[in-house]
Amino acid sequence: MLTCSHVESRRELGGARGGRVLNIERAKRDRWIRGVCGGVAHTYGWNPNVVRLVTVVLAVIIPGPSTLLAFVLYLVLSFVLPESEEF
């Protein structure tokens, strides 16, 4: 059985498999729709408007069902990612 200290140490080490954990959270204040692009931008230190623009441009320019895929991915991330209290 895992105790709290084991879970915390796994988070510090980057997860159970040793990979890197991405601590992306949705933006609470810097948001237009659900805060996913603002949260990604804040995590990496990018401009949120640039992340939003790149997301829309890639969804429209890439041929095929990319618009639907981007929309579904955005919705999934908006429900999976926790909301940040900091930004």
N, C-alpha and C. Protein backbone atom coordinates (compact mmCIF):
# COMPACT_ATOMS: atom_id res chain seq x y z
N MET A 1 0.84 -1.18 0.00
CA MET A 1 0.00 0.00 0.00
C MET A 1 0.88 1.24 0.00
N LEU A 2 0.54 2.21 -0.81
CA LEU A 2 1.32 3.43 -0.90
C LEU A 2 0.86 4.43 0.14
N THR A 3 1.81 5.02 0.79
CA THR A 3 1.48 6.09 1.72
C THR A 3 1.69 7.41 1.03
N CYS A 4 1.34 8.46 1.70
CA CYS A 4 1.45 9.79 1.12
C CYS A 4 2.90 10.12 0.76
N SER A 5 3.85 9.70 1.58
CA SER A 5 5.25 10.01 1.30
C SER A 5 5.74 9.31 0.04
N HIS A 6 5.23 8.09 -0.23
CA HIS A 6 5.61 7.40 -1.45
C HIS A 6 5.06 8.11 -2.68
N VAL A 7 3.84 8.58 -2.58
CA VAL A 7 3.23 9.28 -3.70
C VAL A 7 3.97 10.58 -3.97
N GLU A 8 4.30 11.32 -2.92
CA GLU A 8 5.04 12.56 -3.10
C GLU A 8 6.41 12.32 -3.69
N SER A 9 7.09 11.26 -3.26
CA SER A 9 8.42 10.99 -3.81
C SER A 9 8.33 10.61 -5.28
N ARG A 10 7.26 9.93 -5.68
CA ARG A 10 7.09 9.61 -7.09
C ARG A 10 6.87 10.87 -7.91
N ARG A 11 6.12 11.81 -7.36
CA ARG A 11 5.91 13.06 -8.07
C ARG A 11 7.22 13.81 -8.22
N GLU A 12 8.03 13.81 -7.18
CA GLU A 12 9.30 14.52 -7.25
C GLU A 12 10.24 13.88 -8.25
N LEU A 13 10.20 12.57 -8.38
CA LEU A 13 11.06 11.87 -9.30
C LEU A 13 10.53 11.88 -10.73
N GLY A 14 9.32 12.32 -10.91
CA GLY A 14 8.79 12.42 -12.25
C GLY A 14 7.83 11.32 -12.61
N GLY A 15 7.17 10.75 -11.65
CA GLY A 15 6.16 9.74 -11.94
C GLY A 15 6.64 8.34 -11.67
N ALA A 16 5.74 7.39 -11.77
CA ALA A 16 6.03 6.00 -11.44
C ALA A 16 7.01 5.37 -12.42
N ARG A 17 7.00 5.81 -13.66
CA ARG A 17 7.87 5.21 -14.67
C ARG A 17 9.18 5.96 -14.82
N GLY A 18 9.38 7.00 -14.05
CA GLY A 18 10.62 7.75 -14.14
C GLY A 18 10.59 8.83 -15.21
N GLY A 19 9.45 9.02 -15.86
CA GLY A 19 9.34 10.05 -16.89
C GLY A 19 9.15 11.42 -16.26
N ARG A 20 9.15 12.41 -17.09
CA ARG A 20 9.00 13.77 -16.61
C ARG A 20 7.51 14.10 -16.47
N VAL A 21 7.13 14.67 -15.34
CA VAL A 21 5.74 15.05 -15.11
C VAL A 21 5.56 16.50 -15.55
N LEU A 22 4.54 16.73 -16.37
CA LEU A 22 4.23 18.08 -16.80
C LEU A 22 3.19 18.65 -15.86
N ASN A 23 3.53 19.67 -15.15
CA ASN A 23 2.63 20.27 -14.17
C ASN A 23 1.84 21.41 -14.81
N ILE A 24 1.06 21.06 -15.82
CA ILE A 24 0.25 22.06 -16.51
C ILE A 24 -1.09 22.19 -15.79
N GLU A 25 -1.47 23.42 -15.52
CA GLU A 25 -2.75 23.71 -14.89
C GLU A 25 -3.48 24.73 -15.75
N ARG A 26 -4.81 24.70 -15.71
CA ARG A 26 -5.59 25.69 -16.45
C ARG A 26 -5.51 27.04 -15.75
N ALA A 27 -5.47 28.08 -16.53
CA ALA A 27 -5.42 29.43 -15.98
C ALA A 27 -6.80 29.82 -15.45
N LYS A 28 -6.80 30.43 -14.29
CA LYS A 28 -8.06 30.88 -13.69
C LYS A 28 -8.38 32.31 -14.11
N ARG A 29 -7.37 33.15 -14.24
CA ARG A 29 -7.59 34.55 -14.57
C ARG A 29 -7.27 34.87 -16.03
N ASP A 30 -6.21 34.25 -16.57
CA ASP A 30 -5.79 34.53 -17.95
C ASP A 30 -6.43 33.50 -18.88
N ARG A 31 -7.73 33.65 -19.10
CA ARG A 31 -8.45 32.69 -19.92
C ARG A 31 -9.41 33.39 -20.85
N TRP A 32 -9.68 32.71 -21.95
CA TRP A 32 -10.72 33.19 -22.86
C TRP A 32 -11.90 32.23 -22.80
N ILE A 33 -11.62 30.93 -22.84
CA ILE A 33 -12.71 29.95 -22.81
C ILE A 33 -12.60 29.12 -21.53
N ARG A 34 -11.67 28.17 -21.48
CA ARG A 34 -11.52 27.30 -20.31
C ARG A 34 -10.13 27.41 -19.67
N GLY A 35 -9.22 28.21 -20.24
CA GLY A 35 -7.92 28.44 -19.63
C GLY A 35 -6.81 27.48 -19.99
N VAL A 36 -7.03 26.62 -20.98
CA VAL A 36 -6.02 25.63 -21.35
C VAL A 36 -4.81 26.31 -21.98
N CYS A 37 -5.02 27.14 -22.97
CA CYS A 37 -3.90 27.82 -23.64
C CYS A 37 -3.16 28.75 -22.69
N GLY A 38 -3.89 29.44 -21.82
CA GLY A 38 -3.25 30.30 -20.82
C GLY A 38 -2.42 29.50 -19.84
N GLY A 39 -2.89 28.32 -19.46
CA GLY A 39 -2.13 27.47 -18.55
C GLY A 39 -0.88 26.92 -19.18
N VAL A 40 -0.97 26.49 -20.44
CA VAL A 40 0.20 26.00 -21.16
C VAL A 40 1.22 27.12 -21.30
N ALA A 41 0.75 28.31 -21.66
CA ALA A 41 1.65 29.45 -21.82
C ALA A 41 2.35 29.80 -20.50
N HIS A 42 1.62 29.79 -19.42
CA HIS A 42 2.22 30.13 -18.13
C HIS A 42 3.24 29.08 -17.70
N THR A 43 2.95 27.81 -17.96
CA THR A 43 3.86 26.73 -17.58
C THR A 43 5.21 26.88 -18.26
N TYR A 44 5.22 27.25 -19.53
CA TYR A 44 6.47 27.35 -20.29
C TYR A 44 7.00 28.77 -20.40
N GLY A 45 6.30 29.75 -19.83
CA GLY A 45 6.78 31.13 -19.86
C GLY A 45 6.56 31.81 -21.20
N TRP A 46 5.54 31.38 -21.94
CA TRP A 46 5.24 31.95 -23.24
C TRP A 46 4.12 32.98 -23.12
N ASN A 47 3.93 33.74 -24.18
CA ASN A 47 2.83 34.70 -24.26
C ASN A 47 1.54 33.92 -24.54
N PRO A 48 0.50 34.07 -23.71
CA PRO A 48 -0.74 33.32 -23.92
C PRO A 48 -1.41 33.59 -25.26
N ASN A 49 -1.32 34.83 -25.75
CA ASN A 49 -1.94 35.14 -27.03
C ASN A 49 -1.25 34.42 -28.19
N VAL A 50 0.04 34.23 -28.09
CA VAL A 50 0.78 33.50 -29.12
C VAL A 50 0.37 32.03 -29.10
N VAL A 51 0.21 31.45 -27.92
CA VAL A 51 -0.22 30.05 -27.81
C VAL A 51 -1.62 29.89 -28.40
N ARG A 52 -2.50 30.82 -28.11
CA ARG A 52 -3.86 30.76 -28.67
C ARG A 52 -3.83 30.85 -30.20
N LEU A 53 -3.04 31.79 -30.70
CA LEU A 53 -2.94 31.99 -32.15
C LEU A 53 -2.37 30.76 -32.84
N VAL A 54 -1.30 30.20 -32.30
CA VAL A 54 -0.69 29.01 -32.88
C VAL A 54 -1.66 27.83 -32.85
N THR A 55 -2.42 27.69 -31.78
CA THR A 55 -3.39 26.61 -31.67
C THR A 55 -4.46 26.73 -32.76
N VAL A 56 -4.99 27.91 -32.96
CA VAL A 56 -6.03 28.12 -33.97
C VAL A 56 -5.45 27.95 -35.37
N VAL A 57 -4.28 28.51 -35.62
CA VAL A 57 -3.68 28.41 -36.95
C VAL A 57 -3.38 26.95 -37.30
N LEU A 58 -2.81 26.20 -36.37
CA LEU A 58 -2.53 24.79 -36.64
C LEU A 58 -3.81 23.99 -36.86
N ALA A 59 -4.85 24.31 -36.13
CA ALA A 59 -6.11 23.59 -36.29
C ALA A 59 -6.75 23.88 -37.65
N VAL A 60 -6.54 25.06 -38.18
CA VAL A 60 -7.17 25.43 -39.44
C VAL A 60 -6.29 25.06 -40.64
N ILE A 61 -4.98 25.24 -40.53
CA ILE A 61 -4.08 25.06 -41.67
C ILE A 61 -3.83 23.59 -41.99
N ILE A 62 -3.65 22.75 -40.99
CA ILE A 62 -3.34 21.34 -41.24
C ILE A 62 -4.57 20.69 -41.89
N PRO A 63 -4.37 20.08 -43.06
CA PRO A 63 -5.53 19.49 -43.75
C PRO A 63 -6.10 18.28 -43.02
N GLY A 64 -7.36 18.02 -43.28
CA GLY A 64 -8.01 16.87 -42.66
C GLY A 64 -8.85 17.28 -41.47
N PRO A 65 -9.08 16.34 -40.59
CA PRO A 65 -9.97 16.60 -39.45
C PRO A 65 -9.27 17.29 -38.27
N SER A 66 -8.29 18.13 -38.55
CA SER A 66 -7.51 18.74 -37.47
C SER A 66 -8.33 19.70 -36.62
N THR A 67 -9.31 20.37 -37.19
CA THR A 67 -10.12 21.28 -36.41
C THR A 67 -10.94 20.53 -35.37
N LEU A 68 -11.55 19.43 -35.78
CA LEU A 68 -12.32 18.61 -34.85
C LEU A 68 -11.40 17.99 -33.80
N LEU A 69 -10.24 17.51 -34.23
CA LEU A 69 -9.28 16.92 -33.30
C LEU A 69 -8.80 17.95 -32.27
N ALA A 70 -8.50 19.16 -32.72
CA ALA A 70 -8.05 20.21 -31.80
C ALA A 70 -9.16 20.57 -30.81
N PHE A 71 -10.40 20.63 -31.29
CA PHE A 71 -11.52 20.95 -30.42
C PHE A 71 -11.72 19.87 -29.36
N VAL A 72 -11.67 18.61 -29.77
CA VAL A 72 -11.84 17.49 -28.83
C VAL A 72 -10.69 17.46 -27.83
N LEU A 73 -9.46 17.66 -28.30
CA LEU A 73 -8.31 17.67 -27.41
C LEU A 73 -8.41 18.81 -26.39
N TYR A 74 -8.85 19.99 -26.85
CA TYR A 74 -9.03 21.13 -25.96
C TYR A 74 -10.08 20.81 -24.88
N LEU A 75 -11.19 20.20 -25.29
CA LEU A 75 -12.24 19.85 -24.33
C LEU A 75 -11.74 18.83 -23.31
N VAL A 76 -11.02 17.82 -23.78
CA VAL A 76 -10.49 16.81 -22.86
C VAL A 76 -9.54 17.45 -21.86
N LEU A 77 -8.62 18.28 -22.36
CA LEU A 77 -7.67 18.94 -21.45
C LEU A 77 -8.39 19.88 -20.49
N SER A 78 -9.46 20.51 -20.93
CA SER A 78 -10.16 21.44 -20.05
C SER A 78 -10.83 20.73 -18.89
N PHE A 79 -11.16 19.46 -19.06
CA PHE A 79 -11.77 18.72 -17.96
C PHE A 79 -10.75 17.92 -17.16
N VAL A 80 -9.61 17.60 -17.76
CA VAL A 80 -8.59 16.79 -17.08
C VAL A 80 -7.62 17.64 -16.25
N LEU A 81 -7.22 18.78 -16.81
CA LEU A 81 -6.24 19.63 -16.12
C LEU A 81 -6.88 20.34 -14.93
N PRO A 82 -6.18 20.38 -13.81
CA PRO A 82 -6.72 21.13 -12.67
C PRO A 82 -6.63 22.63 -12.89
N GLU A 83 -7.46 23.36 -12.20
CA GLU A 83 -7.44 24.82 -12.30
C GLU A 83 -6.43 25.39 -11.33
N SER A 84 -5.64 26.33 -11.78
CA SER A 84 -4.59 26.93 -10.96
C SER A 84 -5.18 28.01 -10.05
N GLU A 85 -4.64 28.13 -8.88
CA GLU A 85 -5.01 29.21 -7.97
C GLU A 85 -4.04 30.38 -8.09
N GLU A 86 -2.90 30.16 -8.77
CA GLU A 86 -1.86 31.18 -8.87
C GLU A 86 -2.03 32.12 -10.05
N PHE A 87 -2.50 31.62 -11.18
CA PHE A 87 -2.59 32.44 -12.38
C PHE A 87 -3.89 32.24 -13.09
